Amino acid sequence: MTIRRSLAAAFAMATVLASPVLAKDMVVGFSQVGSESGWRAAETAVTKQEAQKRGIDLKFADAQQKQENQIKAIRSFVAQGVDAILLAPVVATGWDEVLEEAKDAKIPVVLLDRNIDTKDPSLYLTAVTSDQVHEGKVAGDYLVKEVGAKPCKVVELQGTTGSSPAISRKKGFEEAIAGKSNITLARSQTGDFTRTKGKEVMESFIKAENGGKDICAVYAHNDDMAVGAIQAIKEAGLKPGKDIMVVSIDAVPDIFQAMANGEANATVELTPNMAGPAFDALEAYKKDGKEPPKWIQTESKLYTQADNPKAVMESKKGLGY
């Protein structure tokens, strides 16, 4: 009996040693942009939940919206010898050197919700993102349809300068309104994806545009800036959602509350669960070495006041918001 037990133990040990790294054995570093918005906080929460569910040891680093902090975090993860790195890059450029270090250490990097500009795509395993140009186009198409032939002066609250969502969401929106002579993009400025900055910039737009009376709509690259803009519009004595249309991206609970109140018109959903597909890809890669597609695309869906905003808001409560 003792011999049998010894043989069984030896066999089990040999199997473990011969097996590739599975999810429960993985240590993953996660360099997050920060907590500048409700959506970002939800993404962090969902990533931690997914890691815990799969038995992954997640090393979390909040960059506080600074690229230098993310580079330090990645170097720390490399030094620790993690099995993989998740990176939500604060800006699109300036990553080659540090990602080369991760590659040399044979640590795969997965991009979450944002892309990078690089001439060497082998520096990352895959990117789990939405089609951010498409998001901007969906928002623009909605506005074009709602405005019809009426003259419409639009102001734009951009995301963080140099970030891939700010670049792509602007591009998609401009593609949608191109050739529509009745729609003009009058002003565009970064609100840095924050509610406070969105309110501040919207206040300046209102002052510059006849107390806001010349503004037909505000397009915000995320919901938090839109909520800030709504506050500014109300303080100017105007009705958001009516006097000035409000269209944004992310689909966080606060924007559904605003839609339920008639103060916002539409939002384009960006799921906060980027980690699920990312961990799936890493598990498959660690198990059999099979590389995933270079881009794993998530869905982008338009929500309006007609979509029962209160019910949608309730359905999102389990997503880390």
C-alpha atoms as a PDB file:
ATOM      1  CA  MET A   1       0.000   0.000   0.000  1.00  0.00           C
ATOM      2  CA  THR A   2       2.852   2.342   0.882  1.00  0.00           C
ATOM      3  CA  ILE A   3       4.579   1.548  -2.401  1.00  0.00           C
ATOM      4  CA  ARG A   4       1.379   2.282  -4.347  1.00  0.00           C
ATOM      5  CA  ARG A   5       0.970   5.616  -2.588  1.00  0.00           C
ATOM      6  CA  SER A   6       4.587   6.506  -3.355  1.00  0.00           C
ATOM      7  CA  LEU A   7       4.161   5.608  -7.004  1.00  0.00           C
ATOM      8  CA  ALA A   8       0.949   7.645  -7.218  1.00  0.00           C
ATOM      9  CA  ALA A   9       2.635  10.650  -5.622  1.00  0.00           C
ATOM     10  CA  ALA A  10       5.612  10.350  -7.956  1.00  0.00           C
ATOM     11  CA  PHE A  11       3.319  10.110 -10.973  1.00  0.00           C
ATOM     12  CA  ALA A  12       1.341  13.179  -9.839  1.00  0.00           C
ATOM     13  CA  MET A  13       4.546  15.157  -9.338  1.00  0.00           C
ATOM     14  CA  ALA A  14       5.838  14.180 -12.768  1.00  0.00           C
ATOM     15  CA  THR A  15       2.549  15.241 -14.338  1.00  0.00           C
ATOM     16  CA  VAL A  16       2.722  18.655 -12.654  1.00  0.00           C
ATOM     17  CA  LEU A  17       6.323  19.175 -13.753  1.00  0.00           C
ATOM     18  CA  ALA A  18       5.518  18.177 -17.321  1.00  0.00           C
ATOM     19  CA  SER A  19       2.362  20.307 -17.547  1.00  0.00           C
ATOM     20  CA  PRO A  20       2.370  23.914 -18.824  1.00  0.00           C
ATOM     21  CA  VAL A  21       1.430  26.791 -16.533  1.00  0.00           C
ATOM     22  CA  LEU A  22      -2.324  26.839 -15.952  1.00  0.00           C
ATOM     23  CA  ALA A  23      -4.492  29.688 -14.689  1.00  0.00           C
ATOM     24  CA  LYS A  24      -4.293  28.752 -11.013  1.00  0.00           C
ATOM     25  CA  ASP A  25      -0.479  28.866 -11.198  1.00  0.00           C
ATOM     26  CA  MET A  26      -0.285  32.205 -12.997  1.00  0.00           C
ATOM     27  CA  VAL A  27       1.047  35.434 -11.565  1.00  0.00           C
ATOM     28  CA  VAL A  28      -0.096  38.381 -13.665  1.00  0.00           C
ATOM     29  CA  GLY A  29       0.920  42.020 -13.331  1.00  0.00           C
ATOM     30  CA  PHE A  30      -1.729  44.622 -14.193  1.00  0.00           C
ATOM     31  CA  SER A  31      -0.646  48.180 -14.972  1.00  0.00           C
ATOM     32  CA  GLN A  32      -3.842  50.249 -14.872  1.00  0.00           C
ATOM     33  CA  VAL A  33      -4.166  53.829 -16.126  1.00  0.00           C
ATOM     34  CA  GLY A  34      -5.728  55.054 -12.881  1.00  0.00           C
ATOM     35  CA  SER A  35      -9.223  55.635 -11.528  1.00  0.00           C
ATOM     36  CA  GLU A  36     -10.188  58.727 -13.504  1.00  0.00           C
ATOM     37  CA  SER A  37     -13.707  57.531 -14.315  1.00  0.00           C
ATOM     38  CA  GLY A  38     -16.482  55.214 -13.202  1.00  0.00           C
ATOM     39  CA  TRP A  39     -15.749  52.965 -16.157  1.00  0.00           C
ATOM     40  CA  ARG A  40     -12.066  52.695 -15.247  1.00  0.00           C
ATOM     41  CA  ALA A  41     -12.924  51.757 -11.662  1.00  0.00           C
ATOM     42  CA  ALA A  42     -15.322  49.104 -12.989  1.00  0.00           C
ATOM     43  CA  GLU A  43     -12.644  47.655 -15.282  1.00  0.00           C
ATOM     44  CA  THR A  44     -10.287  47.350 -12.307  1.00  0.00           C
ATOM     45  CA  ALA A  45     -12.970  45.683 -10.181  1.00  0.00           C
ATOM     46  CA  VAL A  46     -13.924  43.202 -12.911  1.00  0.00           C
ATOM     47  CA  THR A  47     -10.262  42.349 -13.589  1.00  0.00           C
ATOM     48  CA  LYS A  48      -9.705  41.585  -9.905  1.00  0.00           C
ATOM     49  CA  GLN A  49     -12.911  39.503  -9.811  1.00  0.00           C
ATOM     50  CA  GLU A  50     -11.884  37.527 -12.909  1.00  0.00           C
ATOM     51  CA  ALA A  51      -8.413  36.875 -11.479  1.00  0.00           C
ATOM     52  CA  GLN A  52      -9.824  35.680  -8.152  1.00  0.00           C
ATOM     53  CA  LYS A  53     -12.366  33.439  -9.890  1.00  0.00           C
ATOM     54  CA  ARG A  54      -9.612  31.771 -11.927  1.00  0.00           C
ATOM     55  CA  GLY A  55      -7.108  31.492  -9.083  1.00  0.00           C
ATOM     56  CA  ILE A  56      -4.712  33.973 -10.691  1.00  0.00           C
ATOM     57  CA  ASP A  57      -2.367  35.948  -8.434  1.00  0.00           C
ATOM     58  CA  LEU A  58      -2.896  39.516  -9.720  1.00  0.00           C
ATOM     59  CA  LYS A  59      -0.268  42.163  -8.958  1.00  0.00           C
ATOM     60  CA  PHE A  60      -2.042  45.517  -9.371  1.00  0.00           C
ATOM     61  CA  ALA A  61      -0.394  48.891 -10.029  1.00  0.00           C
ATOM     62  CA  ASP A  62      -2.341  52.177 -10.335  1.00  0.00           C
ATOM     63  CA  ALA A  63      -0.411  54.599 -12.570  1.00  0.00           C
ATOM     64  CA  GLN A  64      -2.459  57.673 -11.597  1.00  0.00           C
ATOM     65  CA  GLN A  65      -2.629  58.587 -15.309  1.00  0.00           C
ATOM     66  CA  LYS A  66       1.154  58.895 -15.683  1.00  0.00           C
ATOM     67  CA  GLN A  67       3.075  56.893 -18.280  1.00  0.00           C
ATOM     68  CA  GLU A  68       6.278  57.002 -16.236  1.00  0.00           C
ATOM     69  CA  ASN A  69       4.467  55.165 -13.438  1.00  0.00           C
ATOM     70  CA  GLN A  70       3.341  52.480 -15.867  1.00  0.00           C
ATOM     71  CA  ILE A  71       6.858  51.998 -17.197  1.00  0.00           C
ATOM     72  CA  LYS A  72       8.161  51.609 -13.618  1.00  0.00           C
ATOM     73  CA  ALA A  73       5.395  49.103 -12.877  1.00  0.00           C
ATOM     74  CA  ILE A  74       6.187  47.009 -15.969  1.00  0.00           C
ATOM     75  CA  ARG A  75       9.883  46.938 -15.049  1.00  0.00           C
ATOM     76  CA  SER A  76       8.925  45.864 -11.535  1.00  0.00           C
ATOM     77  CA  PHE A  77       6.739  43.070 -12.933  1.00  0.00           C
ATOM     78  CA  VAL A  78       9.630  41.899 -15.149  1.00  0.00           C
ATOM     79  CA  ALA A  79      11.980  41.912 -12.159  1.00  0.00           C
ATOM     80  CA  GLN A  80       9.457  39.844 -10.188  1.00  0.00           C
ATOM     81  CA  GLY A  81       9.300  37.302 -13.014  1.00  0.00           C
ATOM     82  CA  VAL A  82       5.518  37.373 -13.469  1.00  0.00           C
ATOM     83  CA  ASP A  83       3.957  34.997 -15.991  1.00  0.00           C
ATOM     84  CA  ALA A  84       2.188  37.744 -17.952  1.00  0.00           C
ATOM     85  CA  ILE A  85       1.430  41.467 -17.935  1.00  0.00           C
ATOM     86  CA  LEU A  86      -1.844  43.287 -18.594  1.00  0.00           C
ATOM     87  CA  LEU A  87      -1.352  46.880 -19.755  1.00  0.00           C
ATOM     88  CA  ALA A  88      -4.022  49.555 -20.158  1.00  0.00           C
ATOM     89  CA  PRO A  89      -1.731  52.209 -21.708  1.00  0.00           C
ATOM     90  CA  VAL A  90      -2.314  55.822 -20.678  1.00  0.00           C
ATOM     91  CA  VAL A  91      -1.022  57.068 -24.067  1.00  0.00           C
ATOM     92  CA  ALA A  92      -0.344  55.336 -27.383  1.00  0.00           C
ATOM     93  CA  THR A  93       3.369  56.058 -27.886  1.00  0.00           C
ATOM     94  CA  GLY A  94       6.619  55.482 -26.004  1.00  0.00           C
ATOM     95  CA  TRP A  95       6.300  51.789 -25.093  1.00  0.00           C
ATOM     96  CA  ASP A  96       8.842  50.007 -27.288  1.00  0.00           C
ATOM     97  CA  GLU A  97      11.801  50.032 -24.912  1.00  0.00           C
ATOM     98  CA  VAL A  98      10.028  48.699 -21.825  1.00  0.00           C
ATOM     99  CA  LEU A  99       7.983  46.153 -23.796  1.00  0.00           C
ATOM    100  CA  GLU A 100      11.215  44.939 -25.401  1.00  0.00           C
ATOM    101  CA  GLU A 101      12.448  44.232 -21.875  1.00  0.00           C
ATOM    102  CA  ALA A 102       9.324  42.157 -21.182  1.00  0.00           C
ATOM    103  CA  LYS A 103       9.757  40.316 -24.489  1.00  0.00           C
ATOM    104  CA  ASP A 104      13.408  39.532 -23.699  1.00  0.00           C
ATOM    105  CA  ALA A 105      12.207  38.076 -20.374  1.00  0.00           C
ATOM    106  CA  LYS A 106       9.665  35.960 -22.317  1.00  0.00           C
ATOM    107  CA  ILE A 107       6.740  37.618 -20.521  1.00  0.00           C
ATOM    108  CA  PRO A 108       3.695  38.056 -22.795  1.00  0.00           C
ATOM    109  CA  VAL A 109       1.922  41.419 -22.649  1.00  0.00           C
ATOM    110  CA  VAL A 110      -1.791  41.845 -23.310  1.00  0.00           C
ATOM    111  CA  LEU A 111      -3.172  45.330 -23.996  1.00  0.00           C
ATOM    112  CA  LEU A 112      -6.522  46.155 -22.394  1.00  0.00           C
ATOM    113  CA  ASP A 113      -9.074  48.613 -23.848  1.00  0.00           C
ATOM    114  CA  ARG A 114      -6.392  50.763 -25.511  1.00  0.00           C
ATOM    115  CA  ASN A 115      -3.863  50.257 -28.292  1.00  0.00           C
ATOM    116  CA  ILE A 116      -0.278  51.417 -28.720  1.00  0.00           C
ATOM    117  CA  ASP A 117       1.658  52.794 -31.685  1.00  0.00           C
ATOM    118  CA  THR A 118       4.614  50.534 -32.424  1.00  0.00           C
ATOM    119  CA  LYS A 119       6.492  49.296 -35.489  1.00  0.00           C
ATOM    120  CA  ASP A 120       6.990  45.941 -33.752  1.00  0.00           C
ATOM    121  CA  PRO A 121       3.648  44.235 -33.028  1.00  0.00           C
ATOM    122  CA  SER A 122       5.519  41.237 -31.570  1.00  0.00           C
ATOM    123  CA  LEU A 123       6.013  43.334 -28.414  1.00  0.00           C
ATOM    124  CA  TYR A 124       2.517  42.368 -27.287  1.00  0.00           C
ATOM    125  CA  LEU A 125       0.573  39.120 -27.541  1.00  0.00           C
ATOM    126  CA  THR A 126      -2.871  40.579 -28.261  1.00  0.00           C
ATOM    127  CA  ALA A 127      -5.053  43.634 -27.637  1.00  0.00           C
ATOM    128  CA  VAL A 128      -8.502  43.274 -26.099  1.00  0.00           C
ATOM    129  CA  THR A 129     -10.340  46.437 -27.113  1.00  0.00           C
ATOM    130  CA  SER A 130     -13.474  47.772 -28.678  1.00  0.00           C
ATOM    131  CA  ASP A 131     -13.349  49.354 -32.126  1.00  0.00           C
ATOM    132  CA  GLN A 132     -12.896  52.878 -30.809  1.00  0.00           C
ATOM    133  CA  VAL A 133     -13.268  54.486 -34.242  1.00  0.00           C
ATOM    134  CA  HIS A 134     -16.550  52.607 -34.578  1.00  0.00           C
ATOM    135  CA  GLU A 135     -17.656  53.889 -31.144  1.00  0.00           C
ATOM    136  CA  GLY A 136     -17.151  57.470 -32.287  1.00  0.00           C
ATOM    137  CA  LYS A 137     -18.952  56.774 -35.545  1.00  0.00           C
ATOM    138  CA  VAL A 138     -21.939  55.208 -33.738  1.00  0.00           C
ATOM    139  CA  ALA A 139     -22.204  58.356 -31.596  1.00  0.00           C
ATOM    140  CA  GLY A 140     -21.893  60.588 -34.667  1.00  0.00           C
ATOM    141  CA  ASP A 141     -24.406  58.578 -36.704  1.00  0.00           C
ATOM    142  CA  TYR A 142     -26.920  58.914 -33.869  1.00  0.00           C
ATOM    143  CA  LEU A 143     -26.469  62.680 -33.793  1.00  0.00           C
ATOM    144  CA  VAL A 144     -26.768  62.968 -37.587  1.00  0.00           C
ATOM    145  CA  LYS A 145     -30.040  61.032 -37.507  1.00  0.00           C
ATOM    146  CA  GLU A 146     -31.497  63.024 -34.606  1.00  0.00           C
ATOM    147  CA  VAL A 147     -30.544  66.445 -35.992  1.00  0.00           C
ATOM    148  CA  GLY A 148     -31.771  65.788 -39.502  1.00  0.00           C
ATOM    149  CA  ALA A 149     -31.427  68.899 -41.667  1.00  0.00           C
ATOM    150  CA  LYS A 150     -31.375  71.379 -38.762  1.00  0.00           C
ATOM    151  CA  PRO A 151     -28.251  73.493 -38.227  1.00  0.00           C
ATOM    152  CA  CYS A 152     -26.235  72.051 -35.343  1.00  0.00           C
ATOM    153  CA  LYS A 153     -23.106  73.431 -33.715  1.00  0.00           C
ATOM    154  CA  VAL A 154     -21.312  70.677 -31.750  1.00  0.00           C
ATOM    155  CA  VAL A 155     -18.703  71.021 -29.011  1.00  0.00           C
ATOM    156  CA  GLU A 156     -16.427  68.081 -28.202  1.00  0.00           C
ATOM    157  CA  LEU A 157     -14.902  66.982 -24.916  1.00  0.00           C
ATOM    158  CA  GLN A 158     -11.861  64.914 -25.856  1.00  0.00           C
ATOM    159  CA  GLY A 159     -10.198  62.253 -23.742  1.00  0.00           C
ATOM    160  CA  THR A 160      -6.594  62.373 -22.536  1.00  0.00           C
ATOM    161  CA  THR A 161      -4.387  63.922 -25.211  1.00  0.00           C
ATOM    162  CA  GLY A 162      -2.406  61.247 -27.053  1.00  0.00           C
ATOM    163  CA  SER A 163      -4.481  58.316 -25.773  1.00  0.00           C
ATOM    164  CA  SER A 164      -5.840  55.879 -28.344  1.00  0.00           C
ATOM    165  CA  PRO A 165      -9.516  56.376 -27.303  1.00  0.00           C
ATOM    166  CA  ALA A 166      -9.230  60.158 -27.696  1.00  0.00           C
ATOM    167  CA  ILE A 167      -7.634  59.800 -31.139  1.00  0.00           C
ATOM    168  CA  SER A 168      -9.985  57.092 -32.391  1.00  0.00           C
ATOM    169  CA  ARG A 169     -13.267  58.345 -30.928  1.00  0.00           C
ATOM    170  CA  LYS A 170     -12.615  61.754 -32.458  1.00  0.00           C
ATOM    171  CA  LYS A 171     -11.808  60.195 -35.822  1.00  0.00           C
ATOM    172  CA  GLY A 172     -14.967  58.070 -35.879  1.00  0.00           C
ATOM    173  CA  PHE A 173     -17.218  60.977 -34.923  1.00  0.00           C
ATOM    174  CA  GLU A 174     -15.705  63.220 -37.586  1.00  0.00           C
ATOM    175  CA  GLU A 175     -16.190  60.473 -40.190  1.00  0.00           C
ATOM    176  CA  ALA A 176     -19.884  60.312 -39.264  1.00  0.00           C
ATOM    177  CA  ILE A 177     -20.525  64.043 -39.633  1.00  0.00           C
ATOM    178  CA  ALA A 178     -18.302  64.491 -42.715  1.00  0.00           C
ATOM    179  CA  GLY A 179     -20.231  65.986 -45.612  1.00  0.00           C
ATOM    180  CA  LYS A 180     -23.097  67.124 -43.365  1.00  0.00           C
ATOM    181  CA  SER A 181     -22.920  70.874 -43.996  1.00  0.00           C
ATOM    182  CA  ASN A 182     -25.548  71.602 -41.331  1.00  0.00           C
ATOM    183  CA  ILE A 183     -23.377  70.048 -38.578  1.00  0.00           C
ATOM    184  CA  THR A 184     -20.216  71.857 -37.528  1.00  0.00           C
ATOM    185  CA  LEU A 185     -17.661  70.904 -34.884  1.00  0.00           C
ATOM    186  CA  ALA A 186     -17.227  74.336 -33.336  1.00  0.00           C
ATOM    187  CA  ARG A 187     -14.933  73.623 -30.384  1.00  0.00           C
ATOM    188  CA  SER A 188     -12.864  70.661 -29.233  1.00  0.00           C
ATOM    189  CA  GLN A 189     -10.730  70.413 -26.094  1.00  0.00           C
ATOM    190  CA  THR A 190      -9.499  67.715 -23.739  1.00  0.00           C
ATOM    191  CA  GLY A 191     -11.413  67.079 -20.544  1.00  0.00           C
ATOM    192  CA  ASP A 192      -8.894  64.361 -19.623  1.00  0.00           C
ATOM    193  CA  PHE A 193     -11.674  61.768 -19.150  1.00  0.00           C
ATOM    194  CA  THR A 194     -12.616  63.292 -15.770  1.00  0.00           C
ATOM    195  CA  ARG A 195     -15.915  64.692 -14.528  1.00  0.00           C
ATOM    196  CA  THR A 196     -14.306  67.769 -12.982  1.00  0.00           C
ATOM    197  CA  LYS A 197     -12.358  68.711 -16.102  1.00  0.00           C
ATOM    198  CA  GLY A 198     -15.360  67.971 -18.311  1.00  0.00           C
ATOM    199  CA  LYS A 199     -17.429  70.463 -16.325  1.00  0.00           C
ATOM    200  CA  GLU A 200     -14.660  73.055 -16.418  1.00  0.00           C
ATOM    201  CA  VAL A 201     -14.172  72.815 -20.194  1.00  0.00           C
ATOM    202  CA  MET A 202     -17.910  72.815 -20.850  1.00  0.00           C
ATOM    203  CA  GLU A 203     -18.217  76.012 -18.808  1.00  0.00           C
ATOM    204  CA  SER A 204     -15.651  77.649 -21.098  1.00  0.00           C
ATOM    205  CA  PHE A 205     -17.525  76.406 -24.188  1.00  0.00           C
ATOM    206  CA  ILE A 206     -20.784  77.858 -22.853  1.00  0.00           C
ATOM    207  CA  LYS A 207     -19.200  81.258 -22.201  1.00  0.00           C
ATOM    208  CA  ALA A 208     -17.673  81.302 -25.690  1.00  0.00           C
ATOM    209  CA  GLU A 209     -20.914  80.312 -27.427  1.00  0.00           C
ATOM    210  CA  ASN A 210     -23.453  82.949 -26.397  1.00  0.00           C
ATOM    211  CA  GLY A 211     -24.064  81.501 -22.946  1.00  0.00           C
ATOM    212  CA  GLY A 212     -24.543  78.074 -24.520  1.00  0.00           C
ATOM    213  CA  LYS A 213     -27.472  79.187 -26.656  1.00  0.00           C
ATOM    214  CA  ASP A 214     -25.496  78.593 -29.860  1.00  0.00           C
ATOM    215  CA  ILE A 215     -24.572  75.023 -28.879  1.00  0.00           C
ATOM    216  CA  CYS A 216     -26.774  72.275 -30.317  1.00  0.00           C
ATOM    217  CA  ALA A 217     -24.957  69.261 -28.833  1.00  0.00           C
ATOM    218  CA  VAL A 218     -21.979  68.139 -26.773  1.00  0.00           C
ATOM    219  CA  TYR A 219     -20.099  64.994 -27.751  1.00  0.00           C
ATOM    220  CA  ALA A 220     -17.982  63.605 -24.903  1.00  0.00           C
ATOM    221  CA  HIS A 221     -15.401  60.852 -25.315  1.00  0.00           C
ATOM    222  CA  ASN A 222     -16.604  59.316 -22.052  1.00  0.00           C
ATOM    223  CA  ASP A 223     -19.631  59.462 -19.763  1.00  0.00           C
ATOM    224  CA  ASP A 224     -17.841  61.056 -16.824  1.00  0.00           C
ATOM    225  CA  MET A 225     -17.001  64.153 -18.882  1.00  0.00           C
ATOM    226  CA  ALA A 226     -20.604  64.151 -20.119  1.00  0.00           C
ATOM    227  CA  VAL A 227     -21.897  64.163 -16.541  1.00  0.00           C
ATOM    228  CA  GLY A 228     -19.597  67.107 -15.798  1.00  0.00           C
ATOM    229  CA  ALA A 229     -20.929  68.864 -18.903  1.00  0.00           C
ATOM    230  CA  ILE A 230     -24.507  68.240 -17.772  1.00  0.00           C
ATOM    231  CA  GLN A 231     -23.739  70.003 -14.495  1.00  0.00           C
ATOM    232  CA  ALA A 232     -22.271  72.975 -16.366  1.00  0.00           C
ATOM    233  CA  ILE A 233     -25.289  73.189 -18.682  1.00  0.00           C
ATOM    234  CA  LYS A 234     -27.712  73.191 -15.747  1.00  0.00           C
ATOM    235  CA  GLU A 235     -25.725  75.851 -13.901  1.00  0.00           C
ATOM    236  CA  ALA A 236     -25.913  78.013 -17.033  1.00  0.00           C
ATOM    237  CA  GLY A 237     -29.710  77.902 -16.810  1.00  0.00           C
ATOM    238  CA  LEU A 238     -30.163  75.553 -19.760  1.00  0.00           C
ATOM    239  CA  LYS A 239     -31.729  72.088 -19.978  1.00  0.00           C
ATOM    240  CA  PRO A 240     -29.275  69.283 -20.840  1.00  0.00           C
ATOM    241  CA  GLY A 241     -30.790  66.709 -23.153  1.00  0.00           C
ATOM    242  CA  LYS A 242     -33.165  69.325 -24.575  1.00  0.00           C
ATOM    243  CA  ASP A 243     -31.526  72.725 -25.080  1.00  0.00           C
ATOM    244  CA  ILE A 244     -28.185  70.967 -25.601  1.00  0.00           C
ATOM    245  CA  MET A 245     -28.083  67.307 -26.626  1.00  0.00           C
ATOM    246  CA  VAL A 246     -25.606  65.113 -24.733  1.00  0.00           C
ATOM    247  CA  VAL A 247     -23.985  62.144 -26.494  1.00  0.00           C
ATOM    248  CA  SER A 248     -21.123  60.141 -24.975  1.00  0.00           C
ATOM    249  CA  ILE A 249     -19.348  56.784 -24.714  1.00  0.00           C
ATOM    250  CA  ASP A 250     -18.891  54.099 -21.993  1.00  0.00           C
ATOM    251  CA  ALA A 251     -22.425  53.328 -20.692  1.00  0.00           C
ATOM    252  CA  VAL A 252     -21.775  53.678 -16.958  1.00  0.00           C
ATOM    253  CA  PRO A 253     -24.710  53.789 -14.478  1.00  0.00           C
ATOM    254  CA  ASP A 254     -24.564  57.574 -13.948  1.00  0.00           C
ATOM    255  CA  ILE A 255     -25.223  58.282 -17.619  1.00  0.00           C
ATOM    256  CA  PHE A 256     -28.266  55.966 -17.543  1.00  0.00           C
ATOM    257  CA  GLN A 257     -29.547  57.914 -14.545  1.00  0.00           C
ATOM    258  CA  ALA A 258     -29.032  61.102 -16.569  1.00  0.00           C
ATOM    259  CA  MET A 259     -30.938  59.574 -19.498  1.00  0.00           C
ATOM    260  CA  ALA A 260     -33.744  58.498 -17.161  1.00  0.00           C
ATOM    261  CA  ASN A 261     -33.907  62.136 -16.001  1.00  0.00           C
ATOM    262  CA  GLY A 262     -34.014  63.355 -19.614  1.00  0.00           C
ATOM    263  CA  GLU A 263     -30.615  65.049 -19.205  1.00  0.00           C
ATOM    264  CA  ALA A 264     -28.606  62.859 -21.606  1.00  0.00           C
ATOM    265  CA  ASN A 265     -29.596  61.503 -24.996  1.00  0.00           C
ATOM    266  CA  ALA A 266     -27.340  58.581 -25.877  1.00  0.00           C
ATOM    267  CA  THR A 267     -24.277  56.576 -24.885  1.00  0.00           C
ATOM    268  CA  VAL A 268     -22.233  53.902 -26.649  1.00  0.00           C
ATOM    269  CA  GLU A 269     -21.398  50.918 -24.450  1.00  0.00           C
ATOM    270  CA  LEU A 270     -17.815  49.943 -23.674  1.00  0.00           C
ATOM    271  CA  THR A 271     -17.761  46.738 -21.626  1.00  0.00           C
ATOM    272  CA  PRO A 272     -15.501  46.862 -18.549  1.00  0.00           C
ATOM    273  CA  ASN A 273     -14.813  43.120 -18.836  1.00  0.00           C
ATOM    274  CA  MET A 274     -11.654  43.162 -20.924  1.00  0.00           C
ATOM    275  CA  ALA A 275      -9.926  40.808 -18.492  1.00  0.00           C
ATOM    276  CA  GLY A 276     -12.127  37.776 -19.234  1.00  0.00           C
ATOM    277  CA  PRO A 277     -11.055  37.502 -22.893  1.00  0.00           C
ATOM    278  CA  ALA A 278      -7.481  38.481 -21.913  1.00  0.00           C
ATOM    279  CA  PHE A 279      -7.171  35.688 -19.351  1.00  0.00           C
ATOM    280  CA  ASP A 280      -8.766  33.222 -21.792  1.00  0.00           C
ATOM    281  CA  ALA A 281      -6.102  34.115 -24.360  1.00  0.00           C
ATOM    282  CA  LEU A 282      -3.279  33.841 -21.817  1.00  0.00           C
ATOM    283  CA  GLU A 283      -4.498  30.488 -20.502  1.00  0.00           C
ATOM    284  CA  ALA A 284      -4.630  29.037 -24.040  1.00  0.00           C
ATOM    285  CA  TYR A 285      -1.218  30.485 -24.861  1.00  0.00           C
ATOM    286  CA  LYS A 286       0.369  29.093 -21.684  1.00  0.00           C
ATOM    287  CA  LYS A 287      -1.272  25.711 -22.190  1.00  0.00           C
ATOM    288  CA  ASP A 288      -0.376  24.939 -25.806  1.00  0.00           C
ATOM    289  CA  GLY A 289       1.632  27.902 -27.088  1.00  0.00           C
ATOM    290  CA  LYS A 290      -1.084  28.911 -29.529  1.00  0.00           C
ATOM    291  CA  GLU A 291      -1.035  32.644 -30.198  1.00  0.00           C
ATOM    292  CA  PRO A 292      -4.430  34.402 -30.149  1.00  0.00           C
ATOM    293  CA  PRO A 293      -5.588  36.850 -32.835  1.00  0.00           C
ATOM    294  CA  LYS A 294      -3.701  40.140 -32.607  1.00  0.00           C
ATOM    295  CA  TRP A 295      -6.993  41.910 -31.857  1.00  0.00           C
ATOM    296  CA  ILE A 296      -9.835  40.549 -29.730  1.00  0.00           C
ATOM    297  CA  GLN A 297     -12.742  42.908 -30.362  1.00  0.00           C
ATOM    298  CA  THR A 298     -15.475  43.635 -27.830  1.00  0.00           C
ATOM    299  CA  GLU A 299     -18.993  44.796 -28.737  1.00  0.00           C
ATOM    300  CA  SER A 300     -20.094  48.445 -29.013  1.00  0.00           C
ATOM    301  CA  LYS A 301     -23.822  49.060 -28.488  1.00  0.00           C
ATOM    302  CA  LEU A 302     -25.858  52.270 -28.643  1.00  0.00           C
ATOM    303  CA  TYR A 303     -28.280  53.074 -25.808  1.00  0.00           C
ATOM    304  CA  THR A 304     -30.805  55.928 -25.905  1.00  0.00           C
ATOM    305  CA  GLN A 305     -33.602  57.250 -23.708  1.00  0.00           C
ATOM    306  CA  ALA A 306     -35.917  54.738 -25.429  1.00  0.00           C
ATOM    307  CA  ASP A 307     -34.006  51.763 -23.948  1.00  0.00           C
ATOM    308  CA  ASN A 308     -35.443  51.886 -20.403  1.00  0.00           C
ATOM    309  CA  PRO A 309     -32.341  53.475 -18.815  1.00  0.00           C
ATOM    310  CA  LYS A 310     -33.326  52.552 -15.241  1.00  0.00           C
ATOM    311  CA  ALA A 311     -33.545  48.856 -16.076  1.00  0.00           C
ATOM    312  CA  VAL A 312     -30.206  48.932 -17.891  1.00  0.00           C
ATOM    313  CA  MET A 313     -28.630  50.749 -14.934  1.00  0.00           C
ATOM    314  CA  GLU A 314     -29.842  47.992 -12.576  1.00  0.00           C
ATOM    315  CA  SER A 315     -28.431  45.303 -14.851  1.00  0.00           C
ATOM    316  CA  LYS A 316     -24.959  46.850 -14.642  1.00  0.00           C
ATOM    317  CA  LYS A 317     -24.650  46.717 -10.873  1.00  0.00           C
ATOM    318  CA  GLY A 318     -22.765  43.425 -10.967  1.00  0.00           C
ATOM    319  CA  LEU A 319     -20.102  44.739 -13.345  1.00  0.00           C
ATOM    320  CA  GLY A 320     -17.949  46.469 -10.755  1.00  0.00           C
ATOM    321  CA  TYR A 321     -19.655  49.874 -10.869  1.00  0.00           C
END
